[in-house]
Amino acid sequence: MGTHDYAAPITGTERTVEGSDGTRLRTVSAGEGERTVVLAHGYGAGADAWNVVASKLAAQGVRVIAFDQRGHGGSTIGSGGIGSPQMAGDYASILETYELEDAVLVGHSMGGFLALAFLLDGGKDATRRVGSLLLMSTFAGDVSRKNPQNRLQIPLIKSGVLPRLLQFGPVATAFTKSLIGDGYEPEMAPAFTETFLAADHAQLVPILQAMVDESRYDRLGELDLPCTVLVGTKDKTTPPFHTADLHAGIAGSKLVSLPGVGHGPNWEDPDAIVTEIVGLANL
């Protein structure tokens, strides 16, 4: 039995948010509190990836909103298709629909990449609605830079080969182990790969390409809000040099390194994530 039930769905009140191009976004809210935390997951995951973190935050009196990114889980793809402008725009739709101001925005991996796109490209309304930011195991683009793992895995995802291979248990286990650090538990593999395999990766290719081709590192100095940048020391998907660049580029940001943690700190060290979020929320 694992430390947590990683396959458990996130609990809370479900609501569908409609984007400007007809996209229907599944959101789940839980807890009550003065500050609201918005949780944005990474590629191939879903709102349920926040199951452990969200329950801990709600128990501490924090209001939490998690959502399935466009083309993931219960969220559709609107007429605008897939790409960083469209998906960053979904952040605006969620914040506006929930009438949030001064929210704590938490972005994991692709979710952090899109959070930066939203804040840097979304104008004054974006910065008004987000009061603080946690960038977790993420990057501002150029994700394959100095990264043999991504240079192998991303083409395998785009070609459809990796999703087919993940249907075999040993491959699913090996793939999940490549993402997780010292805290790997066998229960993580089926919980992650079930969600990953449910996505239509053929439709998601443009966001994979955007993560490789786009870069906003030279614009990080435009950000002016409390920000914590967090990474595991054994993260091979978004290695610590990405985090170092984020920290250097965002004035006044706080850098947190989690020893032995890989690309899944939401499951590997949820208490550390909760501590940093609560700190950003000034609770």
Protein backbone atom coordinates (compact mmCIF):
# COMPACT_ATOMS: atom_id res chain seq x y z
CA MET A 1 0.00 0.00 0.00
CA GLY A 2 1.40 3.38 -1.02
CA THR A 3 1.73 6.45 1.13
CA HIS A 4 -1.33 7.94 -0.61
CA ASP A 5 -4.11 6.75 -2.89
CA TYR A 6 -2.63 8.29 -6.03
CA ALA A 7 -5.48 7.05 -8.21
CA ALA A 8 -8.17 8.74 -6.10
CA PRO A 9 -10.11 11.48 -7.89
CA ILE A 10 -9.83 14.98 -6.54
CA THR A 11 -12.84 15.73 -4.36
CA GLY A 12 -14.92 18.88 -4.51
CA THR A 13 -17.61 20.69 -6.46
CA GLU A 14 -17.39 20.30 -10.22
CA ARG A 15 -18.18 23.20 -12.54
CA THR A 16 -17.76 23.65 -16.28
CA VAL A 17 -16.13 26.88 -17.44
CA GLU A 18 -16.63 27.86 -21.07
CA GLY A 19 -13.73 29.48 -22.89
CA SER A 20 -13.95 32.19 -25.52
CA ASP A 21 -13.78 29.66 -28.38
CA GLY A 22 -16.30 27.24 -26.92
CA THR A 23 -13.83 25.13 -25.00
CA ARG A 24 -15.48 23.50 -22.00
CA LEU A 25 -13.12 23.25 -19.05
CA ARG A 26 -13.73 20.89 -16.15
CA THR A 27 -12.94 22.55 -12.84
CA VAL A 28 -13.13 21.25 -9.27
CA SER A 29 -13.26 23.52 -6.22
CA ALA A 30 -12.85 22.59 -2.57
CA GLY A 31 -12.30 24.26 0.78
CA GLU A 32 -12.98 27.77 1.98
CA GLY A 33 -10.63 30.60 2.81
CA GLU A 34 -9.65 34.21 2.22
CA ARG A 35 -7.24 33.33 -0.62
CA THR A 36 -7.93 31.05 -3.56
CA VAL A 37 -5.28 28.77 -5.00
CA VAL A 38 -5.57 27.75 -8.67
CA LEU A 39 -3.76 24.52 -9.55
CA ALA A 40 -2.61 23.96 -13.15
CA HIS A 41 -1.31 20.48 -14.01
CA GLY A 42 1.31 19.34 -16.49
CA TYR A 43 1.20 17.57 -19.84
CA GLY A 44 -0.71 14.30 -19.96
CA ALA A 45 -2.06 14.69 -16.42
CA GLY A 46 -5.30 16.20 -15.09
CA ALA A 47 -6.85 17.92 -12.11
CA ASP A 48 -6.72 14.60 -10.24
CA ALA A 49 -2.92 14.92 -10.09
CA TRP A 50 -3.57 17.49 -7.34
CA ASN A 51 -5.64 15.03 -5.25
CA VAL A 52 -3.20 14.87 -2.32
CA VAL A 53 -2.18 18.55 -2.36
CA ALA A 54 -5.75 19.83 -2.72
CA SER A 55 -7.08 17.82 0.22
CA LYS A 56 -4.23 19.03 2.44
CA LEU A 57 -4.81 22.66 1.42
CA ALA A 58 -8.56 22.44 2.01
CA ALA A 59 -7.90 20.98 5.45
CA GLN A 60 -5.80 24.06 6.24
CA GLY A 61 -8.57 26.48 5.33
CA VAL A 62 -7.49 27.26 1.78
CA ARG A 63 -9.92 27.46 -1.13
CA VAL A 64 -8.64 25.40 -4.04
CA ILE A 65 -9.62 25.33 -7.70
CA ALA A 66 -8.08 22.69 -9.96
CA PHE A 67 -8.89 22.19 -13.62
CA ASP A 68 -8.26 19.88 -16.55
CA GLN A 69 -6.20 21.67 -19.18
CA ARG A 70 -7.72 21.95 -22.64
CA GLY A 71 -7.63 18.54 -24.32
CA HIS A 72 -7.00 16.74 -21.03
CA GLY A 73 -9.38 14.81 -18.79
CA GLY A 74 -12.91 16.21 -18.92
CA SER A 75 -11.98 19.37 -20.84
CA THR A 76 -12.63 19.73 -24.57
CA ILE A 77 -10.75 21.48 -27.36
CA GLY A 78 -12.55 24.53 -28.72
CA SER A 79 -12.52 25.97 -32.20
CA GLY A 80 -9.19 27.68 -31.51
CA GLY A 81 -7.41 24.34 -31.19
CA ILE A 82 -4.28 23.65 -29.15
CA GLY A 83 -1.41 26.05 -28.52
CA SER A 84 0.04 28.26 -25.83
CA PRO A 85 -2.14 31.34 -26.60
CA GLN A 86 -5.34 29.29 -26.49
CA MET A 87 -4.39 27.36 -23.36
CA ALA A 88 -3.08 30.44 -21.56
CA GLY A 89 -6.39 32.06 -22.45
CA ASP A 90 -8.15 29.26 -20.59
CA TYR A 91 -6.47 30.49 -17.39
CA ALA A 92 -8.14 33.86 -17.99
CA SER A 93 -11.53 32.19 -18.50
CA ILE A 94 -11.26 30.29 -15.21
CA LEU A 95 -10.09 33.29 -13.19
CA GLU A 96 -12.82 35.48 -14.68
CA THR A 97 -15.61 32.95 -14.26
CA TYR A 98 -14.72 32.43 -10.60
CA GLU A 99 -14.32 36.22 -10.23
CA LEU A 100 -10.88 35.82 -8.70
CA GLU A 101 -8.47 38.59 -7.80
CA ASP A 102 -5.19 38.17 -5.95
CA ALA A 103 -5.23 34.39 -6.51
CA VAL A 104 -2.25 32.13 -5.90
CA LEU A 105 -1.46 30.47 -9.23
CA VAL A 106 0.42 27.15 -9.08
CA GLY A 107 1.79 25.72 -12.32
CA HIS A 108 3.41 22.30 -12.66
CA SER A 109 5.57 21.59 -15.73
CA MET A 110 3.41 22.52 -18.79
CA GLY A 111 1.07 24.23 -16.33
CA GLY A 112 3.89 26.55 -15.25
CA PHE A 113 4.95 27.19 -18.86
CA LEU A 114 1.38 28.26 -19.63
CA ALA A 115 1.11 30.29 -16.41
CA LEU A 116 4.09 32.33 -17.59
CA ALA A 117 2.51 32.73 -21.03
CA PHE A 118 -0.70 33.93 -19.38
CA LEU A 119 1.01 36.44 -17.10
CA LEU A 120 3.44 37.78 -19.69
CA ASP A 121 1.04 37.91 -22.64
CA GLY A 122 -2.28 38.49 -20.87
CA GLY A 123 -1.92 42.18 -20.03
CA LYS A 124 -3.03 44.03 -16.91
CA ASP A 125 -6.05 41.81 -16.30
CA ALA A 126 -3.79 38.78 -15.85
CA THR A 127 -1.59 40.48 -13.29
CA ARG A 128 -4.63 41.88 -11.49
CA ARG A 129 -6.17 38.47 -11.03
CA VAL A 130 -2.98 36.71 -9.87
CA GLY A 131 -1.34 37.93 -6.68
CA SER A 132 1.42 35.34 -6.30
CA LEU A 133 2.92 32.47 -8.24
CA LEU A 134 4.40 29.04 -7.56
CA LEU A 135 6.37 27.61 -10.47
CA MET A 136 6.85 23.91 -9.79
CA SER A 137 9.17 21.68 -11.83
CA THR A 138 8.71 23.91 -14.82
CA PHE A 139 10.34 26.09 -17.47
CA ALA A 140 9.81 29.19 -19.62
CA GLY A 141 10.23 27.24 -22.87
CA ASP A 142 13.08 25.56 -24.75
CA VAL A 143 12.30 22.41 -22.78
CA SER A 144 14.60 20.13 -24.77
CA ARG A 145 17.68 22.28 -24.16
CA LYS A 146 20.49 20.12 -22.77
CA ASN A 147 17.96 17.37 -22.11
CA PRO A 148 18.43 13.90 -23.69
CA GLN A 149 15.31 12.56 -21.95
CA ASN A 150 12.99 15.14 -23.51
CA ARG A 151 14.69 14.82 -26.89
CA LEU A 152 13.80 11.13 -26.80
CA GLN A 153 10.38 11.16 -25.11
CA ILE A 154 8.73 14.12 -26.85
CA PRO A 155 9.18 12.69 -30.39
CA LEU A 156 7.96 9.31 -29.10
CA ILE A 157 4.81 10.99 -27.76
CA LYS A 158 4.26 13.00 -30.96
CA SER A 159 4.64 9.88 -33.12
CA GLY A 160 2.18 7.90 -30.99
CA VAL A 161 4.79 5.26 -30.19
CA LEU A 162 5.08 6.01 -26.46
CA PRO A 163 1.30 5.95 -25.77
CA ARG A 164 1.13 2.53 -27.46
CA LEU A 165 4.09 1.21 -25.48
CA LEU A 166 2.64 2.45 -22.18
CA GLN A 167 -0.15 -0.09 -22.49
CA PHE A 168 2.43 -2.66 -21.38
CA GLY A 169 2.96 -2.71 -17.61
CA PRO A 170 6.78 -2.89 -17.57
CA VAL A 171 7.03 0.07 -19.95
CA ALA A 172 4.54 2.06 -17.88
CA THR A 173 6.58 1.35 -14.78
CA ALA A 174 9.87 2.34 -16.43
CA PHE A 175 8.36 5.54 -17.84
CA THR A 176 6.94 6.60 -14.48
CA LYS A 177 10.24 5.80 -12.76
CA SER A 178 11.98 8.09 -15.25
CA LEU A 179 9.79 10.94 -13.99
CA ILE A 180 9.97 10.24 -10.25
CA GLY A 181 12.91 10.53 -7.87
CA ASP A 182 13.79 8.56 -4.77
CA GLY A 183 10.17 8.58 -3.57
CA TYR A 184 8.85 6.31 -6.32
CA GLU A 185 6.07 3.96 -5.21
CA PRO A 186 4.63 1.21 -7.44
CA GLU A 187 1.11 2.64 -7.10
CA MET A 188 2.22 5.81 -8.89
CA ALA A 189 2.70 4.08 -12.25
CA PRO A 190 -0.88 2.91 -12.92
CA ALA A 191 -2.33 6.12 -11.47
CA PHE A 192 -0.24 8.29 -13.79
CA THR A 193 -0.33 6.19 -16.94
CA GLU A 194 -4.11 5.69 -16.84
CA THR A 195 -4.59 9.45 -17.04
CA PHE A 196 -1.79 9.86 -19.59
CA LEU A 197 -3.27 7.22 -21.89
CA ALA A 198 -6.73 8.80 -21.72
CA ALA A 199 -5.46 11.92 -23.52
CA ASP A 200 -5.60 12.22 -27.32
CA HIS A 201 -1.92 12.96 -27.84
CA ALA A 202 -2.30 13.38 -31.59
CA GLN A 203 -4.35 16.51 -30.94
CA LEU A 204 -1.91 17.77 -28.29
CA VAL A 205 1.17 17.81 -30.54
CA PRO A 206 1.09 21.63 -30.99
CA ILE A 207 1.59 22.28 -27.28
CA LEU A 208 4.48 19.81 -27.16
CA GLN A 209 6.05 21.67 -30.07
CA ALA A 210 5.41 25.02 -28.39
CA MET A 211 7.24 23.88 -25.26
CA VAL A 212 10.26 23.07 -27.44
CA ASP A 213 10.16 26.06 -29.80
CA GLU A 214 8.96 28.94 -27.63
CA SER A 215 10.93 30.74 -24.94
CA ARG A 216 10.02 33.55 -22.55
CA TYR A 217 13.22 33.52 -20.51
CA ASP A 218 14.17 36.94 -21.84
CA ARG A 219 10.87 38.38 -20.56
CA LEU A 220 10.94 37.08 -17.00
CA GLY A 221 12.07 40.48 -15.75
CA GLU A 222 8.60 41.82 -16.62
CA LEU A 223 7.05 39.84 -13.76
CA ASP A 224 6.42 41.77 -10.57
CA LEU A 225 4.73 39.56 -7.99
CA PRO A 226 5.74 37.24 -5.14
CA CYS A 227 7.04 34.05 -6.73
CA THR A 228 8.46 30.77 -5.48
CA VAL A 229 10.36 28.55 -7.91
CA LEU A 230 10.53 24.92 -6.82
CA VAL A 231 12.28 21.87 -8.24
CA GLY A 232 13.42 18.43 -7.17
CA THR A 233 17.14 17.76 -7.32
CA LYS A 234 16.50 14.55 -9.30
CA ASP A 235 14.12 16.07 -11.85
CA LYS A 236 15.26 14.87 -15.29
CA THR A 237 12.28 16.29 -17.21
CA THR A 238 12.81 19.90 -16.17
CA PRO A 239 16.30 19.79 -14.66
CA PRO A 240 17.33 22.31 -11.99
CA PHE A 241 19.11 24.54 -14.53
CA HIS A 242 15.66 25.57 -15.81
CA THR A 243 14.70 26.52 -12.28
CA ALA A 244 17.94 28.41 -11.80
CA ASP A 245 17.17 30.45 -14.92
CA LEU A 246 13.63 31.16 -13.71
CA HIS A 247 14.91 32.23 -10.31
CA ALA A 248 17.58 34.46 -11.84
CA GLY A 249 15.10 36.05 -14.23
CA ILE A 250 12.27 36.77 -11.77
CA ALA A 251 13.36 39.52 -9.42
CA GLY A 252 12.86 38.72 -5.73
CA SER A 253 11.80 35.13 -6.36
CA LYS A 254 12.43 32.40 -3.80
CA LEU A 255 14.20 29.22 -4.86
CA VAL A 256 13.30 25.90 -3.22
CA SER A 257 15.14 22.64 -3.98
CA LEU A 258 13.71 19.34 -2.75
CA PRO A 259 16.44 16.71 -2.23
CA GLY A 260 15.83 13.39 -3.99
CA VAL A 261 12.57 14.53 -5.59
CA GLY A 262 11.91 14.09 -9.30
CA HIS A 263 9.33 15.62 -11.62
CA GLY A 264 6.31 14.78 -9.45
CA PRO A 265 6.62 16.75 -6.19
CA ASN A 266 2.81 16.92 -6.00
CA TRP A 267 2.97 13.21 -5.06
CA GLU A 268 6.57 12.83 -3.92
CA ASP A 269 6.57 15.64 -1.34
CA PRO A 270 3.06 17.15 -1.10
CA ASP A 271 3.71 18.60 2.35
CA ALA A 272 6.53 20.75 0.96
CA ILE A 273 4.23 21.99 -1.81
CA VAL A 274 1.51 22.86 0.68
CA THR A 275 3.99 24.73 2.89
CA GLU A 276 5.14 26.90 -0.02
CA ILE A 277 1.58 27.58 -1.21
CA VAL A 278 0.43 28.56 2.28
CA GLY A 279 3.44 30.86 2.53
CA LEU A 280 2.53 32.57 -0.75
CA ALA A 281 -1.07 32.91 0.44
CA ASN A 282 0.13 34.67 3.60
CA LEU A 283 -2.00 32.39 5.78
